[in-house]
Protein backbone atom coordinates (compact mmCIF):
# COMPACT_ATOMS: atom_id res chain seq x y z
CA MET A 1 1.29 4.77 20.03
CA LEU A 2 -1.50 6.55 18.21
CA ALA A 3 -5.21 6.31 18.95
CA ALA A 4 -6.67 2.73 18.79
CA GLY A 5 -9.24 1.65 16.13
CA SER A 6 -12.80 2.63 17.10
CA PHE A 7 -15.65 0.04 16.97
CA LEU A 8 -18.90 1.51 15.82
CA ALA A 9 -20.72 -2.01 15.95
CA PRO A 10 -19.60 -5.69 16.50
CA ALA A 11 -17.20 -6.80 13.85
CA ILE A 12 -18.74 -10.20 13.67
CA VAL A 13 -22.27 -10.02 11.90
CA PRO A 14 -24.58 -13.08 12.13
CA ALA A 15 -24.29 -15.49 9.17
CA SER A 16 -28.19 -15.26 8.72
CA VAL A 17 -27.73 -11.70 7.52
CA PHE A 18 -25.53 -12.55 4.68
CA GLY A 19 -26.25 -16.16 3.93
CA LYS A 20 -23.57 -17.90 1.90
CA ASN A 21 -21.54 -14.64 1.77
CA ALA A 22 -21.18 -14.39 5.62
CA PRO A 23 -18.08 -12.88 6.65
CA SER A 24 -16.87 -16.20 8.01
CA ASN A 25 -16.85 -17.40 4.41
CA ARG A 26 -14.87 -14.58 3.21
CA ILE A 27 -11.34 -13.20 3.45
CA THR A 28 -11.33 -10.33 5.90
CA VAL A 29 -9.48 -7.43 4.56
CA ALA A 30 -8.02 -4.23 6.02
CA CYS A 31 -7.39 -1.37 3.56
CA ILE A 32 -4.31 0.67 4.55
CA GLY A 33 -3.59 3.98 2.75
CA LEU A 34 -6.86 5.52 1.67
CA GLY A 35 -5.86 7.84 -1.18
CA ARG A 36 -7.32 7.91 -4.74
CA GLN A 37 -6.05 4.62 -5.63
CA MET A 38 -7.55 2.95 -2.67
CA VAL A 39 -10.84 4.62 -2.80
CA ASN A 40 -11.23 4.00 -6.42
CA PRO A 41 -10.70 1.50 -7.70
CA ASN A 42 -9.45 -0.72 -4.90
CA ILE A 43 -12.07 -0.59 -2.24
CA PRO A 44 -15.01 -0.64 -4.79
CA GLN A 45 -13.49 -3.80 -6.33
CA LEU A 46 -13.12 -5.49 -2.83
CA LEU A 47 -16.57 -4.44 -1.73
CA LYS A 48 -18.17 -6.19 -4.94
CA SER A 49 -16.14 -9.23 -4.44
CA PRO A 50 -18.09 -12.15 -3.00
CA HIS A 51 -14.63 -13.42 -1.59
CA ALA A 52 -13.82 -10.37 0.53
CA GLN A 53 -15.15 -8.54 3.52
CA ILE A 54 -13.54 -5.27 4.31
CA VAL A 55 -13.50 -5.05 8.09
CA ALA A 56 -11.11 -2.08 8.74
CA VAL A 57 -9.46 0.94 7.07
CA CYS A 58 -6.52 2.89 8.23
CA ASP A 59 -4.71 6.15 7.39
CA VAL A 60 -2.85 8.93 8.96
CA ASP A 61 -5.08 11.58 7.30
CA SER A 62 -8.31 11.65 9.45
CA TRP A 63 -10.41 13.17 6.71
CA ARG A 64 -9.54 10.28 4.23
CA LEU A 65 -10.06 7.92 7.12
CA GLU A 66 -13.67 8.86 7.67
CA LYS A 67 -14.45 9.05 4.01
CA ALA A 68 -13.33 5.54 3.57
CA ARG A 69 -15.10 4.14 6.54
CA ALA A 70 -18.41 5.73 5.13
CA GLN A 71 -17.68 4.46 1.79
CA VAL A 72 -17.51 0.92 3.29
CA ASP A 73 -20.41 1.06 5.62
CA GLU A 74 -22.75 2.63 3.07
CA TYR A 75 -22.01 -0.03 0.46
CA TYR A 76 -22.60 -2.87 2.76
CA GLY A 77 -25.66 -1.21 4.20
CA LYS A 78 -27.24 -0.75 0.79
CA GLU A 79 -26.29 -4.11 -0.24
CA ARG A 80 -28.18 -5.73 2.88
CA GLY A 81 -30.90 -3.22 3.20
CA ALA A 82 -29.97 -2.41 6.72
CA THR A 83 -27.83 0.05 8.66
CA TYR A 84 -24.22 -1.29 8.62
CA GLN A 85 -21.58 0.36 10.92
CA ALA A 86 -18.90 -2.38 11.46
CA CYS A 87 -16.06 -0.99 9.46
CA ARG A 88 -13.21 -0.24 12.11
CA THR A 89 -10.96 2.68 11.78
CA TYR A 90 -7.24 2.89 12.75
CA SER A 91 -4.69 5.72 12.42
CA ASP A 92 -1.82 3.32 13.32
CA TYR A 93 -1.21 0.48 10.77
CA ARG A 94 0.64 -1.61 13.52
CA GLU A 95 -2.67 -2.08 15.59
CA ILE A 96 -4.18 -3.80 12.53
CA LEU A 97 -1.34 -6.15 12.00
CA GLN A 98 -1.88 -7.14 15.60
CA ASP A 99 -5.55 -8.00 15.01
CA LYS A 100 -5.90 -11.70 14.63
CA SER A 101 -9.32 -11.41 12.88
CA VAL A 102 -7.76 -9.67 9.73
CA ASP A 103 -6.70 -12.35 7.14
CA ALA A 104 -5.10 -9.95 4.64
CA VAL A 105 -4.18 -6.41 4.01
CA MET A 106 -4.41 -4.13 0.86
CA LEU A 107 -1.63 -1.69 0.86
CA SER A 108 -2.11 1.45 -1.20
CA LEU A 109 0.56 3.96 0.11
CA PRO A 110 3.19 6.25 -1.10
CA ASP A 111 5.88 4.05 -2.53
CA HIS A 112 8.49 4.81 0.15
CA TRP A 113 6.11 2.95 2.59
CA HIS A 114 5.52 -0.20 0.48
CA VAL A 115 8.32 -2.43 1.55
CA PRO A 116 8.56 -1.49 5.15
CA MET A 117 4.82 -1.92 5.80
CA ALA A 118 4.62 -5.20 3.55
CA VAL A 119 7.39 -6.62 5.43
CA GLU A 120 5.76 -6.17 8.76
CA ALA A 121 2.54 -7.33 7.59
CA ILE A 122 4.29 -10.53 6.24
CA ARG A 123 5.81 -11.08 9.60
CA ALA A 124 2.58 -10.80 11.24
CA GLY A 125 1.16 -13.48 9.05
CA LYS A 126 -1.11 -11.35 6.85
CA HIS A 127 -1.49 -12.04 3.26
CA VAL A 128 -0.50 -9.08 1.15
CA SER A 129 -1.84 -7.32 -1.89
CA LEU A 130 0.48 -4.44 -2.64
CA GLU A 131 0.25 -1.46 -4.79
CA LYS A 132 2.71 -1.18 -7.66
CA PRO A 133 5.62 -0.21 -7.77
CA VAL A 134 6.56 -2.37 -4.94
CA SER A 135 9.76 -0.61 -3.88
CA THR A 136 11.89 2.63 -4.26
CA CYS A 137 15.29 0.71 -4.47
CA ILE A 138 16.49 -2.93 -5.13
CA GLY A 139 17.75 -3.24 -1.60
CA HIS A 140 14.49 -2.89 -0.19
CA GLY A 141 12.78 -5.25 -2.66
CA ARG A 142 15.38 -7.87 -1.65
CA ARG A 143 14.47 -7.51 2.10
CA LEU A 144 10.75 -7.93 0.86
CA VAL A 145 11.61 -11.22 -1.01
CA GLU A 146 13.50 -12.51 1.89
CA ALA A 147 10.66 -11.82 4.30
CA ILE A 148 8.20 -13.59 1.98
CA ARG A 149 10.45 -16.65 1.61
CA LYS A 150 10.42 -17.04 5.37
CA SER A 151 6.58 -16.94 5.58
CA LYS A 152 3.63 -18.93 4.13
CA VAL A 153 1.67 -15.91 3.23
CA ILE A 154 0.13 -15.27 -0.28
CA THR A 155 1.16 -12.04 -2.00
CA ARG A 156 0.19 -10.18 -5.09
CA ASN A 157 1.31 -7.24 -7.12
CA ASP A 158 -1.79 -5.05 -7.33
CA SER A 159 -1.74 -4.57 -11.06
CA GLU A 160 -4.72 -5.43 -13.53
CA PHE A 161 -2.70 -5.60 -16.61
CA ARG A 162 -2.19 -9.29 -16.73
CA THR A 163 -5.90 -9.72 -16.69
CA LEU A 164 -6.68 -7.54 -19.72
CA PRO A 165 -7.41 -9.93 -22.46
CA ASP A 166 -5.44 -8.39 -25.34
CA ILE A 167 -2.35 -8.33 -22.93
CA TRP A 168 -2.45 -12.06 -21.96
CA LYS A 169 -3.28 -12.88 -25.79
CA ALA A 170 0.01 -11.20 -26.68
CA VAL A 171 1.91 -13.00 -24.08
CA GLU A 172 0.29 -16.28 -24.97
CA ALA A 173 1.50 -15.89 -28.64
CA VAL A 174 5.01 -15.04 -27.63
CA ARG A 175 5.33 -17.74 -24.87
CA ASN A 176 4.14 -20.43 -27.21
CA GLY A 177 6.74 -19.44 -29.89
CA ARG A 178 4.46 -17.99 -32.61
CA ILE A 179 6.96 -15.28 -33.35
CA GLY A 180 9.85 -17.56 -33.19
CA LYS A 181 12.84 -17.00 -30.94
CA VAL A 182 12.52 -13.55 -29.14
CA GLN A 183 15.30 -11.28 -30.13
CA ARG A 184 14.29 -7.63 -29.17
CA ILE A 185 11.48 -6.02 -27.05
CA TYR A 186 10.42 -2.59 -27.09
CA VAL A 187 8.68 -0.96 -24.21
CA ALA A 188 7.44 2.52 -23.32
CA VAL A 189 5.49 4.34 -20.84
CA PRO A 190 3.53 7.66 -21.07
CA PRO A 191 5.12 11.05 -19.87
CA GLU A 192 4.46 12.26 -16.27
CA LEU A 193 0.65 13.01 -15.76
CA ASN A 194 1.07 15.74 -13.12
CA GLY A 195 1.77 18.36 -15.80
CA ASP A 196 4.90 20.76 -15.81
CA PRO A 197 7.74 20.56 -13.34
CA LEU A 198 7.36 22.32 -10.04
CA PRO A 199 9.78 24.76 -8.56
CA PRO A 200 10.76 24.86 -4.88
CA GLN A 201 7.67 25.49 -2.85
CA PRO A 202 7.21 27.59 0.36
CA THR A 203 6.93 25.83 3.77
CA MET A 204 3.31 25.48 4.97
CA PRO A 205 1.55 24.57 8.08
CA VAL A 206 0.71 20.83 8.42
CA PRO A 207 -3.23 20.30 7.95
CA PRO A 208 -4.77 19.45 11.35
CA GLU A 209 -6.08 16.24 9.59
CA LEU A 210 -2.66 14.87 8.78
CA ASN A 211 -0.10 13.20 10.91
CA TYR A 212 2.68 14.32 8.65
CA ASP A 213 5.53 12.75 10.48
CA PHE A 214 3.95 9.44 10.30
CA TRP A 215 3.26 10.10 6.63
CA LEU A 216 7.11 10.43 6.10
CA GLY A 217 7.75 7.39 8.16
CA PRO A 218 10.94 5.74 6.93
CA ALA A 219 11.74 8.69 4.76
CA TRP A 220 13.82 11.56 6.15
CA GLU A 221 12.30 14.53 7.75
CA ALA A 222 11.37 17.44 5.30
CA PRO A 223 9.26 20.59 5.66
CA TYR A 224 5.72 20.27 4.86
CA THR A 225 4.35 21.61 1.68
CA GLU A 226 1.04 20.44 0.09
CA LYS A 227 2.71 19.48 -3.27
CA ARG A 228 5.16 17.13 -1.53
CA VAL A 229 2.33 15.18 -0.18
CA HIS A 230 -1.37 15.07 -1.47
CA ALA A 231 -4.23 17.44 -1.72
CA VAL A 232 -5.97 18.64 1.43
CA LYS A 233 -9.35 17.18 1.57
CA GLY A 234 -9.02 15.89 -2.11
CA TYR A 235 -8.08 12.91 -4.15
CA GLY A 236 -6.12 14.43 -7.20
CA ARG A 237 -2.92 13.01 -8.42
CA PRO A 238 -0.64 13.41 -5.49
CA GLY A 239 2.68 15.44 -5.61
CA TRP A 240 4.69 12.73 -3.90
CA MET A 241 4.68 10.84 -7.12
CA ARG A 242 7.10 13.30 -8.61
CA VAL A 243 9.43 13.51 -5.66
CA SER A 244 12.31 11.18 -5.67
CA ASP A 245 12.46 10.75 -1.76
CA TYR A 246 9.09 8.90 -2.19
CA CYS A 247 8.85 7.60 -5.67
CA ASN A 248 11.12 6.82 -8.74
CA GLY A 249 8.76 8.44 -11.08
CA MET A 250 7.18 7.03 -14.27
CA ILE A 251 10.02 4.68 -15.06
CA SER A 252 8.71 2.61 -11.98
CA ASN A 253 5.16 3.94 -11.80
CA TRP A 254 3.93 2.72 -15.26
CA GLY A 255 6.97 0.47 -15.65
CA ALA A 256 5.49 -1.75 -13.05
CA HIS A 257 2.73 -2.62 -15.40
CA LEU A 258 4.44 -2.66 -18.77
CA VAL A 259 8.01 -3.83 -18.00
CA GLY A 260 6.05 -6.61 -16.06
CA ILE A 261 4.51 -7.64 -19.22
CA VAL A 262 8.01 -7.69 -20.73
CA GLN A 263 9.10 -10.06 -18.00
CA TRP A 264 6.03 -12.23 -18.33
CA GLY A 265 6.27 -12.56 -22.05
CA ASN A 266 10.04 -12.90 -22.11
CA ASN A 267 9.74 -15.77 -19.40
CA THR A 268 12.28 -14.02 -17.15
CA GLU A 269 10.09 -13.12 -14.21
CA TYR A 270 12.57 -14.57 -11.46
CA THR A 271 15.74 -12.91 -13.27
CA GLY A 272 16.89 -9.96 -14.81
CA PRO A 273 19.36 -8.41 -17.34
CA VAL A 274 23.12 -8.77 -17.34
CA GLU A 275 23.93 -5.30 -19.02
CA ILE A 276 22.31 -1.82 -18.91
CA GLU A 277 22.96 1.58 -20.29
CA GLY A 278 20.95 4.59 -20.94
CA THR A 279 20.50 8.43 -20.86
CA GLY A 280 17.80 10.51 -19.27
CA ASP A 281 16.88 14.00 -17.91
CA PHE A 282 15.56 14.90 -14.54
CA ASP A 283 13.14 17.74 -13.27
CA ARG A 284 14.57 20.27 -10.99
CA GLY A 285 12.75 21.77 -8.01
CA LEU A 286 10.42 19.84 -5.49
CA TRP A 287 9.35 17.57 -8.32
CA ASN A 288 12.71 15.93 -9.29
CA THR A 289 12.03 12.63 -10.85
CA MET A 290 13.14 11.70 -14.33
CA ASN A 291 11.15 13.12 -17.25
CA ARG A 292 12.98 11.42 -20.22
CA PHE A 293 14.98 8.23 -20.64
CA ASP A 294 16.17 5.96 -23.34
CA ILE A 295 17.58 2.60 -21.72
CA ARG A 296 18.90 -0.56 -23.40
CA TYR A 297 19.26 -3.84 -21.51
CA ARG A 298 20.72 -7.07 -22.64
CA PHE A 299 19.69 -10.51 -21.02
CA ALA A 300 22.09 -13.48 -20.87
CA ASP A 301 20.48 -15.22 -23.85
CA GLY A 302 21.15 -12.13 -25.96
CA VAL A 303 17.46 -10.69 -25.91
CA GLU A 304 17.52 -6.99 -25.78
CA VAL A 305 15.04 -4.63 -24.34
CA PHE A 306 14.67 -1.00 -25.13
CA TYR A 307 12.70 1.13 -22.78
CA LYS A 308 11.75 5.00 -23.06
CA ILE A 309 9.00 7.39 -22.43
CA GLU A 310 6.47 7.47 -25.37
CA ARG A 311 3.13 5.82 -25.70
CA PRO A 312 2.31 2.92 -23.51
CA TYR A 313 3.12 -0.29 -25.33
CA VAL A 314 5.16 -3.39 -25.42
CA ARG A 315 6.44 -4.90 -28.79
CA PHE A 316 8.08 -8.26 -28.97
CA GLU A 317 10.13 -9.18 -32.02
CA GLY A 318 11.28 -12.63 -32.91
CA THR A 319 12.87 -14.60 -35.60
CA GLY A 320 9.44 -15.34 -37.18
CA GLY A 321 7.33 -12.08 -36.74
CA TRP A 322 6.19 -9.67 -34.10
CA VAL A 323 3.27 -8.87 -31.72
CA GLU A 324 2.52 -5.49 -30.15
CA ILE A 325 0.15 -4.35 -27.51
CA GLU A 326 -0.67 -0.78 -26.94
CA TYR A 327 -2.37 -0.25 -23.70
CA PRO A 328 -5.26 -0.74 -23.10
CA ASP A 329 -6.53 -2.91 -26.06
CA LYS A 330 -4.76 -2.14 -29.35
CA LEU A 331 -3.32 -5.70 -30.36
CA SER A 332 -1.48 -6.22 -33.62
CA ALA A 333 0.94 -8.75 -35.20
CA SER A 334 2.96 -9.32 -38.28
CA SER A 335 0.49 -12.02 -39.32
CA PRO A 336 -3.14 -12.55 -38.36
CA ASP A 337 -2.32 -16.30 -38.01
CA ILE A 338 -0.15 -15.33 -34.96
CA LEU A 339 -3.06 -14.14 -32.86
CA ASN A 340 -5.98 -16.11 -34.49
CA THR A 341 -4.91 -19.70 -34.65
CA PRO A 342 -6.53 -21.78 -32.00
CA LEU A 343 -3.96 -23.24 -29.29
CA GLY A 344 -2.44 -26.47 -30.42
CA ALA A 345 -2.18 -29.58 -28.15
CA ASN A 346 1.19 -28.57 -26.94
CA GLU A 347 0.67 -24.97 -26.53
CA LYS A 348 0.03 -23.47 -23.11
CA SER A 349 -2.98 -21.20 -22.30
CA PHE A 350 -2.23 -17.88 -20.53
CA ARG A 351 -5.90 -17.04 -20.34
CA VAL A 352 -6.99 -14.95 -17.25
CA ASP A 353 -10.64 -15.18 -16.12
CA LEU A 354 -10.26 -13.53 -12.62
CA SER A 355 -9.67 -9.94 -11.84
CA ASP A 356 -6.57 -8.89 -9.93
CA LYS A 357 -8.37 -8.75 -6.78
CA ASP A 358 -10.25 -12.05 -7.08
CA ASP A 359 -6.99 -13.72 -8.23
CA PHE A 360 -5.54 -12.57 -4.92
CA LEU A 361 -8.45 -13.69 -2.87
CA MET A 362 -8.89 -17.03 -4.48
CA ALA A 363 -5.02 -17.70 -4.21
CA ILE A 364 -5.46 -17.36 -0.44
CA LYS A 365 -8.59 -19.54 -0.25
CA GLU A 366 -6.92 -22.29 -2.49
CA ASN A 367 -3.44 -21.90 -0.93
CA ARG A 368 -1.72 -21.34 -4.37
CA PRO A 369 0.56 -18.62 -5.77
CA SER A 370 -1.19 -15.62 -7.18
CA LEU A 371 -0.82 -14.76 -10.92
CA GLU A 372 1.74 -11.95 -10.12
CA PRO A 373 3.67 -12.77 -6.65
CA LEU A 374 5.62 -10.03 -5.23
CA GLU A 375 8.94 -11.73 -5.88
CA THR A 376 8.26 -11.20 -9.62
CA ALA A 377 7.13 -7.66 -8.99
CA HIS A 378 10.42 -7.08 -7.29
CA ARG A 379 12.40 -8.38 -10.43
CA THR A 380 10.16 -6.03 -12.59
CA ILE A 381 10.93 -2.96 -10.49
CA SER A 382 14.57 -3.95 -10.23
CA ILE A 383 14.88 -3.53 -14.13
CA CYS A 384 13.36 -0.08 -13.77
CA GLN A 385 15.69 0.77 -11.00
CA LEU A 386 18.66 -0.51 -12.89
CA GLY A 387 17.83 1.84 -15.61
CA LEU A 388 17.54 4.78 -13.20
CA ILE A 389 20.95 3.97 -11.75
CA ALA A 390 22.47 3.51 -15.14
CA VAL A 391 21.25 7.02 -16.23
CA LYS A 392 22.71 8.44 -12.97
CA ILE A 393 26.05 6.82 -13.40
CA GLY A 394 26.23 7.53 -16.95
CA ALA A 395 27.99 4.40 -18.09
CA LYS A 396 27.33 0.78 -19.31
CA LEU A 397 26.79 -1.32 -16.20
CA GLN A 398 27.27 -5.24 -15.74
CA TRP A 399 24.78 -6.89 -13.61
CA ASP A 400 24.62 -10.25 -11.72
CA PRO A 401 20.98 -11.17 -11.55
CA GLU A 402 21.60 -14.00 -9.21
CA LYS A 403 23.52 -12.00 -6.67
CA GLU A 404 21.53 -8.94 -7.44
CA ASP A 405 24.68 -6.72 -7.58
CA PHE A 406 26.80 -4.89 -9.99
CA ILE A 407 30.06 -6.10 -11.35
CA GLY A 408 33.02 -4.07 -10.96
CA ASP A 409 31.26 -0.74 -10.14
CA ASN A 410 31.29 0.18 -6.52
CA ALA A 411 29.51 3.64 -7.31
CA ALA A 412 26.59 1.80 -8.90
CA SER A 413 26.40 -0.76 -5.88
CA ALA A 414 26.19 2.09 -3.44
CA MET A 415 23.02 3.10 -5.08
CA LEU A 416 21.15 -0.22 -4.55
CA ASP A 417 19.84 0.53 -0.98
CA ILE A 418 18.33 3.64 0.66
CA PRO A 419 18.62 3.98 4.35
CA VAL A 420 15.38 4.28 6.40
CA ARG A 421 14.43 6.49 9.37
CA GLU A 422 13.81 4.05 12.21
CA LYS A 423 11.36 6.02 14.16
CA TYR A 424 8.38 4.11 12.83
CA PHE A 425 10.15 1.16 11.19
CA ARG A 426 13.19 -1.10 11.70
CA TRP A 427 14.29 -3.78 9.41
């Protein structure tokens, strides 16, 4: 077991210091995984929320751990006009899960850690906000859903896309039938953002700040090189996002956002396609995720979805017109009336007034589902992973979305699950 969390001051601060925003009136949150996504935007958004109190931070990189602790303490200190040193630090997430004073966890880790850590947090009774994409394979995602169904915790996929006005307006138009019956949906994500592919790299000494074996966690052992993990004492876009042992690449990374909008608009959040086929190319070297793909899906009702790398957009086409949203705020339609006509008495509002973080926190307070529960996120990422498998197999695949298994293709079914190294985690 690694070193226990250190207490710099009592965790419970008198209510008189905070008034109505006393910690006892807030959801106590521990932030685990302190890379660029956590320190900006996740921690700043949680610090600004009147519904959250960050009480602990955790990472296997001691430099990042100290930076995040200072970020939290300095913010609360400035807000209250007094020295504040109550944020606890941990290098082992399992100690946080044993802490009864922690209500919820915000998990922002390399993707291969998402499901293992979320499952343990759920079993410990913690509410979970999980960075996208939620998993690296369909089998892990199913285990996550099974754990959630056995619990009473609130979960949320940590994506802000459903809170963006132009996106929910597009979905509102589609779900209310303003383009008629949906026939085709086009969705695309941008190219990889790390730059050119990276050839094999030399083995390097592990930085003293990093517990590299714990970072690998459920993934298999591999020699350390900086571009496999993340920058030493920095927050640049990490190399692990291009390594297939830890991430699916852009098909899931941005697909978690935009394919999620496809599912929301198509009203298929708890199911999936029945047929998949596609082509694609993979980088070679240390960075080996897919750099191009063109995939077609067919749903049971005949709706077809076409997915590729291009510009970030979703376009819904129906029997009575079309609606398109290009991220972040370029909304258009075949007729102005589709978007501008006020909602009728029988039409449903999809308006979102809360941020993704406050939606999660208020769902806990109100004991209601969040706007994007992790089960829906699993179905979204399953679509991305089905496309990845279809490209690797090189054939048209038939899928049973209820059983979550391929029909008549043993080779494809064998690719649904990834074994885990059990040193730090066991199912």
